[in-house]
Amino acid sequence: MESNSALAVFAALSQSTRLSAFRAIMQQQPDGLPAGEVARLLNVPQNTMSTHLAILERAGLISSERRSRSIIYRAELDRVRQVASFLVTDCCGGRPEVCAPLVAEFTPCCSPGEGKNAC
């Protein structure tokens, strides 16, 4: 990931409503979350939420799919992985044992087979 791409992601997440929306969508993986439900959960008008979701989508953090009259948003987990990797690429100067606590922090969170809300 290039620095400019990472900056677009960080800019998208640097606003509290967008960060909350992204986290709500992440919690509903892999099913996703309808736009109206995101707005309702965060108590934000739907037109305002639409703008926030568009910014997250342009940053590549979420994607949308029209299902009948609803738009379902899902997190782009590969993009999340790219951002996390970007942040720790040069972690610990090539000494993986120093980064072990960081890696351990993510391992129980997203272990396969832990269920839908394991993270």
C-alpha atoms as a PDB file:
ATOM      1  CA  MET A   1       0.000   0.000   0.000  1.00  0.00           C
ATOM      2  CA  GLU A   2       1.275   3.422  -0.913  1.00  0.00           C
ATOM      3  CA  SER A   3       1.316   6.303   1.554  1.00  0.00           C
ATOM      4  CA  ASN A   4      -1.362   8.225  -0.389  1.00  0.00           C
ATOM      5  CA  SER A   5      -3.744   5.253  -0.218  1.00  0.00           C
ATOM      6  CA  ALA A   6      -3.123   4.899   3.495  1.00  0.00           C
ATOM      7  CA  LEU A   7      -3.767   8.609   3.978  1.00  0.00           C
ATOM      8  CA  ALA A   8      -7.129   8.294   2.189  1.00  0.00           C
ATOM      9  CA  VAL A   9      -8.105   5.508   4.589  1.00  0.00           C
ATOM     10  CA  PHE A  10      -6.983   7.449   7.650  1.00  0.00           C
ATOM     11  CA  ALA A  11      -8.814  10.571   6.446  1.00  0.00           C
ATOM     12  CA  ALA A  12     -12.002   8.567   5.966  1.00  0.00           C
ATOM     13  CA  LEU A  13     -11.761   7.129   9.478  1.00  0.00           C
ATOM     14  CA  SER A  14     -10.764  10.396  11.137  1.00  0.00           C
ATOM     15  CA  GLN A  15     -14.381  11.515  11.556  1.00  0.00           C
ATOM     16  CA  SER A  16     -16.320  10.025  14.463  1.00  0.00           C
ATOM     17  CA  THR A  17     -19.521   9.118  12.581  1.00  0.00           C
ATOM     18  CA  ARG A  18     -17.575   7.398   9.810  1.00  0.00           C
ATOM     19  CA  LEU A  19     -15.447   5.499  12.312  1.00  0.00           C
ATOM     20  CA  SER A  20     -18.576   4.345  14.147  1.00  0.00           C
ATOM     21  CA  ALA A  21     -20.258   3.359  10.871  1.00  0.00           C
ATOM     22  CA  PHE A  22     -17.216   1.374   9.775  1.00  0.00           C
ATOM     23  CA  ARG A  23     -17.058  -0.432  13.100  1.00  0.00           C
ATOM     24  CA  ALA A  24     -20.777  -1.261  12.933  1.00  0.00           C
ATOM     25  CA  ILE A  25     -20.348  -2.664   9.425  1.00  0.00           C
ATOM     26  CA  MET A  26     -17.291  -4.681  10.525  1.00  0.00           C
ATOM     27  CA  GLN A  27     -19.357  -6.256  13.303  1.00  0.00           C
ATOM     28  CA  GLN A  28     -21.820  -7.590  10.748  1.00  0.00           C
ATOM     29  CA  GLN A  29     -19.345  -9.425   8.513  1.00  0.00           C
ATOM     30  CA  PRO A  30     -19.922 -11.281   6.280  1.00  0.00           C
ATOM     31  CA  ASP A  31     -23.640 -10.434   6.032  1.00  0.00           C
ATOM     32  CA  GLY A  32     -23.219  -6.692   5.819  1.00  0.00           C
ATOM     33  CA  LEU A  33     -25.552  -3.980   7.014  1.00  0.00           C
ATOM     34  CA  PRO A  34     -28.220  -1.983   5.161  1.00  0.00           C
ATOM     35  CA  ALA A  35     -27.525   1.738   4.915  1.00  0.00           C
ATOM     36  CA  GLY A  36     -30.753   2.591   6.739  1.00  0.00           C
ATOM     37  CA  GLU A  37     -29.789   0.319   9.620  1.00  0.00           C
ATOM     38  CA  VAL A  38     -26.374   1.995   9.926  1.00  0.00           C
ATOM     39  CA  ALA A  39     -28.135   5.374  10.084  1.00  0.00           C
ATOM     40  CA  ARG A  40     -30.622   4.101  12.674  1.00  0.00           C
ATOM     41  CA  LEU A  41     -27.926   2.531  14.865  1.00  0.00           C
ATOM     42  CA  LEU A  42     -25.928   5.756  14.918  1.00  0.00           C
ATOM     43  CA  ASN A  43     -28.962   8.061  15.078  1.00  0.00           C
ATOM     44  CA  VAL A  44     -27.850   9.944  11.972  1.00  0.00           C
ATOM     45  CA  PRO A  45     -30.170  11.189   9.200  1.00  0.00           C
ATOM     46  CA  GLN A  46     -30.093   8.853   6.196  1.00  0.00           C
ATOM     47  CA  ASN A  47     -28.926  11.506   3.739  1.00  0.00           C
ATOM     48  CA  THR A  48     -26.027  12.434   6.044  1.00  0.00           C
ATOM     49  CA  MET A  49     -25.142   8.763   6.512  1.00  0.00           C
ATOM     50  CA  SER A  50     -25.168   8.283   2.751  1.00  0.00           C
ATOM     51  CA  THR A  51     -22.428  10.897   2.436  1.00  0.00           C
ATOM     52  CA  HIS A  52     -20.338   9.246   5.155  1.00  0.00           C
ATOM     53  CA  LEU A  53     -20.741   5.807   3.584  1.00  0.00           C
ATOM     54  CA  ALA A  54     -19.687   7.186   0.186  1.00  0.00           C
ATOM     55  CA  ILE A  55     -16.463   8.508   1.717  1.00  0.00           C
ATOM     56  CA  LEU A  56     -15.724   5.127   3.310  1.00  0.00           C
ATOM     57  CA  GLU A  57     -16.445   3.418   0.001  1.00  0.00           C
ATOM     58  CA  ARG A  58     -14.132   5.758  -1.944  1.00  0.00           C
ATOM     59  CA  ALA A  59     -11.375   4.930   0.547  1.00  0.00           C
ATOM     60  CA  GLY A  60     -11.925   1.248  -0.241  1.00  0.00           C
ATOM     61  CA  LEU A  61     -12.938   0.315   3.303  1.00  0.00           C
ATOM     62  CA  ILE A  62     -16.465  -0.802   2.410  1.00  0.00           C
ATOM     63  CA  SER A  63     -18.355  -1.917  -0.657  1.00  0.00           C
ATOM     64  CA  SER A  64     -22.034  -1.764  -1.475  1.00  0.00           C
ATOM     65  CA  GLU A  65     -24.531  -4.076  -3.113  1.00  0.00           C
ATOM     66  CA  ARG A  66     -28.070  -3.178  -4.047  1.00  0.00           C
ATOM     67  CA  ARG A  67     -30.588  -5.718  -2.803  1.00  0.00           C
ATOM     68  CA  SER A  68     -34.100  -4.778  -3.850  1.00  0.00           C
ATOM     69  CA  ARG A  69     -34.680  -1.322  -2.333  1.00  0.00           C
ATOM     70  CA  SER A  70     -31.801  -1.581   0.143  1.00  0.00           C
ATOM     71  CA  ILE A  71     -28.105  -0.977  -0.230  1.00  0.00           C
ATOM     72  CA  ILE A  72     -26.073  -3.429   1.822  1.00  0.00           C
ATOM     73  CA  TYR A  73     -22.605  -2.374   2.960  1.00  0.00           C
ATOM     74  CA  ARG A  74     -19.809  -4.808   3.760  1.00  0.00           C
ATOM     75  CA  ALA A  75     -16.305  -4.188   5.021  1.00  0.00           C
ATOM     76  CA  GLU A  76     -13.491  -4.834   2.582  1.00  0.00           C
ATOM     77  CA  LEU A  77     -11.355  -7.064   4.780  1.00  0.00           C
ATOM     78  CA  ASP A  78      -8.498  -7.177   2.294  1.00  0.00           C
ATOM     79  CA  ARG A  79      -8.249  -3.390   2.492  1.00  0.00           C
ATOM     80  CA  VAL A  80      -8.267  -3.555   6.302  1.00  0.00           C
ATOM     81  CA  ARG A  81      -5.451  -6.107   6.094  1.00  0.00           C
ATOM     82  CA  GLN A  82      -3.499  -3.820   3.748  1.00  0.00           C
ATOM     83  CA  VAL A  83      -3.835  -0.897   6.165  1.00  0.00           C
ATOM     84  CA  ALA A  84      -2.780  -2.991   9.157  1.00  0.00           C
ATOM     85  CA  SER A  85       0.182  -4.360   7.187  1.00  0.00           C
ATOM     86  CA  PHE A  86       1.140  -0.843   6.110  1.00  0.00           C
ATOM     87  CA  LEU A  87       1.227   0.253   9.747  1.00  0.00           C
ATOM     88  CA  VAL A  88       3.479  -2.572  10.897  1.00  0.00           C
ATOM     89  CA  THR A  89       5.615  -3.229   7.797  1.00  0.00           C
ATOM     90  CA  ASP A  90       8.833  -2.136   9.462  1.00  0.00           C
ATOM     91  CA  CYS A  91       7.756  -3.177  12.926  1.00  0.00           C
ATOM     92  CA  CYS A  92      10.487  -3.811  15.430  1.00  0.00           C
ATOM     93  CA  GLY A  93      13.411  -3.455  13.025  1.00  0.00           C
ATOM     94  CA  GLY A  94      13.274  -7.048  11.815  1.00  0.00           C
ATOM     95  CA  ARG A  95      12.973  -8.540  15.308  1.00  0.00           C
ATOM     96  CA  PRO A  96       9.661 -10.436  15.207  1.00  0.00           C
ATOM     97  CA  GLU A  97       9.840 -11.405  18.873  1.00  0.00           C
ATOM     98  CA  VAL A  98       9.378  -7.750  19.786  1.00  0.00           C
ATOM     99  CA  CYS A  99       6.168  -7.616  17.712  1.00  0.00           C
ATOM    100  CA  ALA A 100       4.780 -10.857  19.158  1.00  0.00           C
ATOM    101  CA  PRO A 101       2.359  -9.043  21.531  1.00  0.00           C
ATOM    102  CA  LEU A 102       0.961  -7.067  18.596  1.00  0.00           C
ATOM    103  CA  VAL A 103       0.405 -10.198  16.523  1.00  0.00           C
ATOM    104  CA  ALA A 104      -1.108 -12.001  19.519  1.00  0.00           C
ATOM    105  CA  GLU A 105      -3.606  -9.163  19.923  1.00  0.00           C
ATOM    106  CA  PHE A 106      -5.142  -9.973  16.522  1.00  0.00           C
ATOM    107  CA  THR A 107      -4.877 -13.759  16.569  1.00  0.00           C
ATOM    108  CA  PRO A 108      -7.725 -14.602  18.992  1.00  0.00           C
ATOM    109  CA  CYS A 109      -9.915 -11.889  17.496  1.00  0.00           C
ATOM    110  CA  CYS A 110     -10.248 -13.305  14.038  1.00  0.00           C
ATOM    111  CA  SER A 111      -9.520 -17.005  14.402  1.00  0.00           C
ATOM    112  CA  PRO A 112     -11.513 -19.129  11.958  1.00  0.00           C
ATOM    113  CA  GLY A 113     -14.397 -21.019  13.457  1.00  0.00           C
ATOM    114  CA  GLU A 114     -14.963 -18.627  16.337  1.00  0.00           C
ATOM    115  CA  GLY A 115     -18.354 -17.565  15.068  1.00  0.00           C
ATOM    116  CA  LYS A 116     -19.833 -14.559  13.340  1.00  0.00           C
ATOM    117  CA  ASN A 117     -19.017 -12.025  16.059  1.00  0.00           C
ATOM    118  CA  ALA A 118     -15.604 -13.406  17.018  1.00  0.00           C
ATOM    119  CA  CYS A 119     -13.857 -10.156  16.218  1.00  0.00           C
END
